[in-house]
Amino acid sequence: MTGVRSSPSRAHVTAWMVSELEETGHPVGDGNVPENLPFGWQGQPNAAPSFFIPWLSTMPGTARINPSQATIGSFADAGSEWVMSYSVSFNAVNREEVEWIADSTRKHLVNVERTDLDCGDYGHWKVQQVRSVSIGGINRVRQTDPDYYLQTDNFDVWISKEN
């Protein structure tokens, strides 16, 4: 596609991100609570034999052209490298568990191998890396008894257009 400027498909990158999060083995929601999988309190909270299933949820944030490419990138295709932001929320029954889930998920994401993405009409892209850009504070959710805990971290997914 000579002479055509690149624009990534956010939907394909988000689907990839959800897929990577699912590899952690926890229920994952795509911008919402998990669908078709049990999550959270199972049974009446704080009553035997109830239990809590930890879960994750991701939400796309702002996408931007790779900052270094904005000043030295190709004039022919200034949009061939992007940084796409995602927040990931972790939910668990106590502080220790929410930190463990967040830590293990973060470790998985930042160690992802470079991955090819076929984005249909948007062309072939490659995930170059995932960076953890912030580790969120922990909040106690008091809508149930006992409470559960929530932490939201932010990640940048670096992608490039492949020819």
Protein backbone atom coordinates (compact mmCIF):
# COMPACT_ATOMS: atom_id res chain seq x y z
CA MET A 1 0.00 0.00 0.00
CA THR A 2 2.45 2.62 -1.13
CA GLY A 3 1.46 6.16 -0.27
CA VAL A 4 -1.15 5.13 2.31
CA ARG A 5 -0.59 6.36 5.84
CA SER A 6 -1.01 3.94 8.71
CA SER A 7 -3.71 3.97 11.31
CA PRO A 8 -3.96 1.12 13.82
CA SER A 9 -7.07 -0.82 14.72
CA ARG A 10 -7.70 -0.28 18.44
CA ALA A 11 -10.20 -3.16 18.43
CA HIS A 12 -7.57 -5.69 17.36
CA VAL A 13 -5.08 -4.49 19.97
CA THR A 14 -7.74 -4.57 22.70
CA ALA A 15 -8.73 -8.11 21.71
CA TRP A 16 -5.04 -9.08 21.98
CA MET A 17 -4.78 -7.44 25.42
CA VAL A 18 -7.88 -9.31 26.69
CA SER A 19 -6.40 -12.56 25.34
CA GLU A 20 -3.10 -11.94 27.16
CA LEU A 21 -4.95 -11.21 30.41
CA GLU A 22 -6.99 -14.42 30.03
CA GLU A 23 -3.70 -16.34 30.04
CA THR A 24 -3.36 -15.45 33.74
CA GLY A 25 -6.17 -17.91 34.47
CA HIS A 26 -8.46 -15.34 36.10
CA PRO A 27 -11.84 -14.25 34.75
CA VAL A 28 -11.36 -11.12 32.58
CA GLY A 29 -13.85 -8.41 31.74
CA ASP A 30 -13.51 -6.40 28.54
CA GLY A 31 -14.40 -2.93 29.80
CA ASN A 32 -16.87 -4.51 32.19
CA VAL A 33 -17.25 -7.43 34.56
CA PRO A 34 -16.39 -10.86 33.10
CA GLU A 35 -19.07 -12.40 30.91
CA ASN A 36 -19.93 -16.11 30.89
CA LEU A 37 -17.62 -16.88 33.82
CA PRO A 38 -18.24 -16.81 37.56
CA PHE A 39 -16.44 -14.01 39.41
CA GLY A 40 -16.61 -12.19 42.74
CA TRP A 41 -18.62 -13.58 45.61
CA GLN A 42 -20.14 -17.01 45.03
CA GLY A 43 -22.91 -17.52 47.53
CA GLN A 44 -23.88 -15.15 50.32
CA PRO A 45 -20.77 -13.16 51.33
CA ASN A 46 -19.39 -14.13 54.72
CA ALA A 47 -21.62 -17.21 54.96
CA ALA A 48 -20.40 -20.79 54.64
CA PRO A 49 -19.66 -22.15 52.07
CA SER A 50 -19.31 -18.90 50.08
CA PHE A 51 -16.05 -17.91 48.42
CA PHE A 52 -14.63 -15.11 46.27
CA ILE A 53 -13.26 -15.62 42.74
CA PRO A 54 -10.68 -12.90 41.92
CA TRP A 55 -11.17 -11.18 38.58
CA LEU A 56 -9.65 -8.60 36.22
CA SER A 57 -11.07 -5.98 33.90
CA THR A 58 -9.33 -3.92 31.22
CA MET A 59 -10.29 -0.62 29.63
CA PRO A 60 -8.60 1.11 26.69
CA GLY A 61 -7.13 4.53 27.37
CA THR A 62 -5.62 7.13 25.07
CA ALA A 63 -3.62 5.99 22.04
CA ARG A 64 -0.87 8.22 20.71
CA ILE A 65 1.82 8.19 18.07
CA ASN A 66 5.16 7.03 19.46
CA PRO A 67 6.60 10.29 20.88
CA SER A 68 10.08 9.69 19.44
CA GLN A 69 8.64 9.04 15.98
CA ALA A 70 6.67 12.30 16.07
CA THR A 71 9.94 14.22 15.74
CA ILE A 72 12.21 11.86 13.80
CA GLY A 73 9.82 9.41 12.16
CA SER A 74 9.14 8.94 8.50
CA PHE A 75 7.23 11.76 6.81
CA ALA A 76 5.81 9.14 4.47
CA ASP A 77 4.12 7.31 7.34
CA ALA A 78 4.26 9.20 10.62
CA GLY A 79 1.59 6.88 12.07
CA SER A 80 3.52 3.63 11.79
CA GLU A 81 4.36 3.42 15.53
CA TRP A 82 1.82 3.86 18.31
CA VAL A 83 1.58 3.64 22.08
CA MET A 84 -1.83 2.42 23.29
CA SER A 85 -2.71 2.82 26.94
CA TYR A 86 -4.77 0.35 28.96
CA SER A 87 -5.92 0.25 32.56
CA VAL A 88 -6.30 -3.11 34.26
CA SER A 89 -8.36 -3.41 37.44
CA PHE A 90 -7.72 -6.28 39.84
CA ASN A 91 -10.39 -7.43 42.30
CA ALA A 92 -9.75 -9.79 45.20
CA VAL A 93 -10.97 -10.65 48.70
CA ASN A 94 -8.06 -9.07 50.60
CA ARG A 95 -5.10 -6.75 50.13
CA GLU A 96 -2.52 -9.53 49.87
CA GLU A 97 -4.47 -11.34 47.17
CA VAL A 98 -5.10 -8.21 45.08
CA GLU A 99 -1.39 -7.37 45.22
CA TRP A 100 -0.43 -10.93 44.27
CA ILE A 101 -2.80 -10.95 41.28
CA ALA A 102 -1.62 -7.50 40.16
CA ASP A 103 2.05 -8.42 40.56
CA SER A 104 1.76 -11.73 38.69
CA THR A 105 -0.32 -10.17 35.89
CA ARG A 106 2.14 -7.27 35.55
CA LYS A 107 5.02 -9.75 35.34
CA HIS A 108 3.20 -11.65 32.59
CA LEU A 109 2.40 -8.54 30.53
CA VAL A 110 5.83 -6.91 30.63
CA ASN A 111 7.44 -10.20 29.55
CA VAL A 112 5.23 -10.74 26.50
CA GLU A 113 7.22 -11.74 23.41
CA ARG A 114 6.90 -9.61 20.29
CA THR A 115 3.61 -10.61 18.71
CA ASP A 116 2.29 -10.25 15.17
CA LEU A 117 -1.24 -8.87 14.83
CA ASP A 118 -3.24 -9.24 11.62
CA CYS A 119 -5.56 -6.25 11.77
CA GLY A 120 -7.49 -6.98 8.57
CA ASP A 121 -7.95 -3.83 6.48
CA TYR A 122 -5.63 -1.99 8.89
CA GLY A 123 -2.68 -4.16 7.89
CA HIS A 124 -0.11 -6.14 9.82
CA TRP A 125 1.13 -4.71 13.11
CA LYS A 126 3.49 -6.01 15.76
CA VAL A 127 3.27 -5.64 19.53
CA GLN A 128 6.82 -4.59 20.37
CA GLN A 129 6.47 -4.40 24.15
CA VAL A 130 4.16 -3.78 27.06
CA ARG A 131 5.30 -1.33 29.72
CA SER A 132 3.91 -0.99 33.21
CA VAL A 133 3.57 2.79 33.61
CA SER A 134 1.84 2.98 36.99
CA ILE A 135 0.88 0.72 39.86
CA GLY A 136 -2.36 1.88 41.40
CA GLY A 137 -3.31 2.28 45.01
CA ILE A 138 -5.60 -0.22 46.70
CA ASN A 139 -9.20 0.63 47.48
CA ARG A 140 -11.54 -1.24 49.77
CA VAL A 141 -14.99 -1.86 48.27
CA ARG A 142 -17.53 -1.85 51.10
CA GLN A 143 -20.63 -2.89 49.16
CA THR A 144 -20.42 -6.42 50.54
CA ASP A 145 -19.70 -7.86 53.95
CA PRO A 146 -16.90 -8.76 54.07
CA ASP A 147 -15.35 -6.15 51.81
CA TYR A 148 -13.28 -6.86 48.73
CA TYR A 149 -10.30 -4.93 47.36
CA LEU A 150 -9.53 -3.21 44.07
CA GLN A 151 -6.30 -2.00 42.45
CA THR A 152 -5.97 -0.40 38.99
CA ASP A 153 -2.64 -0.37 37.14
CA ASN A 154 -1.82 1.28 33.82
CA PHE A 155 0.06 -0.22 30.90
CA ASP A 156 1.33 1.04 27.53
CA VAL A 157 1.27 -1.34 24.56
CA TRP A 158 3.86 -0.29 21.95
CA ILE A 159 2.96 -1.36 18.40
CA SER A 160 4.53 -0.83 14.98
CA LYS A 161 3.29 -1.25 11.43
CA GLU A 162 4.86 -4.20 9.63
CA ASN A 163 5.28 -4.27 5.85
